[in-house]
Structure formats: structure tokens, C-alpha cells
Amino acid sequence: MEYTLAAVKDNAHIRITDATTEMRLAWLGFDGDDCFGDFRIDVTSEAGSQKFCFGPCAVHGLRKMSRFFRDGSQASVGLGFQQPDIRCCDFVRADEGYRLLVRFEGSGLSEQFFVRKPSVEIDDGLLTA
């Protein structure tokens, strides 16, 4: 009898880009059940790069975001985290694109980003594996 070890995928991402901006939502360190060890958003634009780390995230967060970007009928979607402080990210459909709002209550951070006529790449295949 022969056994083959297959690599188990432990991450997922959604990439939203337009001519000047890239937003990459990354879920990292899937535990094989219902949680990722880390969720982050990296934004790169002409103004530079910013990284927002939110902490652990349930698989439900990936499902919510995937549904939003696949289903044009939803006006907005948001995720909230409590680790290490209250942190939120919201996507809103606006002006032929998406507006991303990021808020970290502990530091008072509040940032907005916008992509117009974006392309969207969703890699959430581990949900169906």
C-alpha cells in the first residue's frame, strides 16, 4: 500500500485592483476546522503601502467577503475583531467600485481607500476542499 502526502492549503485571499490601487485581503494559518490564525489587509497605491493586521478570524469572515464580491446585489459587508483592540473593516459598493473603510478604535486609526472599475480575484478554494 502506498501513501502520498498532499499539501494542505492553509490560506486564502481576495485581491481587488484598479489602475492605481491594489487591496489584498489575506486569511492565513487555517486550522483545518473553523478559524484562521490571522487576517490582514494590504493596500498598495501611488501614495505608498499600508498593512492592517486584524488578528484571528473565523472562516465565516472569508465566506462573508467571498459572497459580497461574487453577489452584486449586496450593498456592503463588514468584519469586526476584538483582538488586541476593536478593529473593523467595511466594504461599500460606490461609484462603479468599492470603498474600503478601516477603523482601529484603540489607536484612533481611520482610513478610507477607493477602487474604481476593479478586477477581483478570489482564492477561497480551501472552503470547498
Protein backbone atom coordinates (compact mmCIF):
# COMPACT_ATOMS: atom_id res chain seq x y z
CA MET A 1 0.00 0.00 0.00
CA GLU A 2 1.35 3.42 -0.96
CA TYR A 3 0.53 6.75 0.72
CA THR A 4 1.01 10.17 -0.76
CA LEU A 5 1.26 13.28 1.36
CA ALA A 6 -0.63 16.19 -0.10
CA ALA A 7 0.00 19.74 0.98
CA VAL A 8 -2.99 21.15 2.78
CA LYS A 9 -3.72 24.71 1.82
CA ASP A 10 -3.85 26.93 4.90
CA ASN A 11 -4.56 30.37 3.43
CA ALA A 12 -6.97 32.27 1.22
CA HIS A 13 -7.07 35.72 -0.32
CA ILE A 14 -9.17 38.23 -2.21
CA ARG A 15 -7.37 40.70 -4.44
CA ILE A 16 -9.08 43.88 -5.68
CA THR A 17 -7.19 46.03 -8.18
CA ASP A 18 -7.69 49.00 -10.45
CA ALA A 19 -5.20 51.08 -12.45
CA THR A 20 -3.60 52.67 -9.37
CA THR A 21 -4.53 50.62 -6.29
CA GLU A 22 -4.31 47.03 -5.07
CA MET A 23 -6.12 45.76 -1.98
CA ARG A 24 -5.22 42.27 -0.82
CA LEU A 25 -7.27 40.62 1.90
CA ALA A 26 -5.38 37.63 3.31
CA TRP A 27 -6.53 34.89 5.67
CA LEU A 28 -3.51 32.98 6.99
CA GLY A 29 -2.93 29.89 9.11
CA PHE A 30 -6.15 27.91 8.63
CA ASP A 31 -6.54 25.43 11.49
CA GLY A 32 -8.37 22.87 9.32
CA ASP A 33 -11.68 23.47 11.10
CA ASP A 34 -13.20 26.90 11.57
CA CYS A 35 -10.54 29.57 12.15
CA PHE A 36 -7.59 31.37 10.61
CA GLY A 37 -4.71 32.46 12.81
CA ASP A 38 -4.55 35.89 11.15
CA PHE A 39 -6.47 38.22 8.87
CA ARG A 40 -4.82 41.22 7.25
CA ILE A 41 -5.38 43.75 4.51
CA ASP A 42 -2.51 45.17 2.47
CA VAL A 43 -3.19 48.27 0.39
CA THR A 44 -0.73 49.48 -2.24
CA SER A 45 -1.34 52.69 -4.18
CA GLU A 46 0.55 55.56 -5.74
CA ALA A 47 0.76 57.07 -2.24
CA GLY A 48 2.60 54.01 -0.85
CA SER A 49 1.77 50.80 1.03
CA GLN A 50 -0.14 50.18 4.23
CA LYS A 51 -0.69 46.94 6.15
CA PHE A 52 -3.59 46.43 8.56
CA CYS A 53 -3.48 43.39 10.88
CA PHE A 54 -6.75 42.32 12.48
CA GLY A 55 -5.84 39.10 14.30
CA PRO A 56 -7.59 35.71 14.26
CA CYS A 57 -10.65 35.33 12.02
CA ALA A 58 -13.37 32.71 11.81
CA VAL A 59 -13.96 31.05 8.43
CA HIS A 60 -17.33 32.84 8.38
CA GLY A 61 -15.45 36.10 7.68
CA LEU A 62 -13.94 34.66 4.49
CA ARG A 63 -17.34 33.33 3.43
CA LYS A 64 -18.98 36.75 4.01
CA MET A 65 -16.36 38.58 1.96
CA SER A 66 -16.39 36.00 -0.85
CA ARG A 67 -20.18 36.23 -1.09
CA PHE A 68 -20.09 40.03 -1.20
CA PHE A 69 -17.62 40.17 -4.09
CA ARG A 70 -19.48 37.47 -6.04
CA ASP A 71 -23.01 38.83 -5.41
CA GLY A 72 -23.53 42.31 -6.86
CA SER A 73 -26.83 42.73 -5.00
CA GLN A 74 -25.18 43.28 -1.60
CA ALA A 75 -24.54 46.97 -0.86
CA SER A 76 -21.94 46.44 1.87
CA VAL A 77 -20.15 43.95 4.08
CA GLY A 78 -18.15 44.31 7.26
CA LEU A 79 -15.99 42.37 9.66
CA GLY A 80 -15.25 43.21 13.28
CA PHE A 81 -12.47 41.96 15.56
CA GLN A 82 -11.64 42.40 19.24
CA GLN A 83 -8.01 41.40 19.26
CA PRO A 84 -5.97 43.22 20.53
CA ASP A 85 -8.47 46.11 20.41
CA ILE A 86 -11.69 46.70 18.45
CA ARG A 87 -10.85 46.69 14.73
CA CYS A 88 -13.30 46.89 11.82
CA CYS A 89 -13.16 46.78 8.05
CA ASP A 90 -16.10 47.54 5.80
CA PHE A 91 -16.53 47.40 2.03
CA VAL A 92 -19.22 49.51 0.39
CA ARG A 93 -20.22 49.48 -3.28
CA ALA A 94 -19.86 53.04 -4.60
CA ASP A 95 -19.27 54.84 -7.90
CA GLU A 96 -18.58 51.74 -10.03
CA GLY A 97 -16.19 50.37 -7.45
CA TYR A 98 -15.57 49.67 -3.80
CA ARG A 99 -14.77 51.86 -0.82
CA LEU A 100 -12.78 50.23 2.00
CA LEU A 101 -13.09 51.70 5.48
CA VAL A 102 -10.64 50.56 8.18
CA ARG A 103 -11.03 51.56 11.84
CA PHE A 104 -8.89 50.65 14.86
CA GLU A 105 -10.56 52.04 17.97
CA GLY A 106 -7.56 51.63 20.28
CA SER A 107 -5.26 53.85 18.22
CA GLY A 108 -7.97 56.02 16.68
CA LEU A 109 -6.89 54.94 13.19
CA SER A 110 -9.46 55.58 10.48
CA GLU A 111 -8.53 55.12 6.82
CA GLN A 112 -10.50 55.03 3.55
CA PHE A 113 -9.47 53.65 0.17
CA PHE A 114 -11.33 53.52 -3.12
CA VAL A 115 -11.01 51.41 -6.27
CA ARG A 116 -12.94 52.28 -9.43
CA LYS A 117 -13.87 49.63 -12.02
CA PRO A 118 -11.78 47.00 -10.26
CA SER A 119 -10.91 43.47 -11.13
CA VAL A 120 -11.46 40.95 -8.35
CA GLU A 121 -9.59 37.68 -7.81
CA ILE A 122 -10.94 35.31 -5.16
CA ASP A 123 -8.89 32.36 -3.90
CA ASP A 124 -11.14 30.65 -1.35
CA GLY A 125 -10.77 27.10 -2.67
CA LEU A 126 -9.94 25.65 0.73
CA LEU A 127 -13.60 26.18 1.66
CA THR A 128 -14.66 23.58 -0.90
CA ALA A 129 -11.79 21.16 -0.32
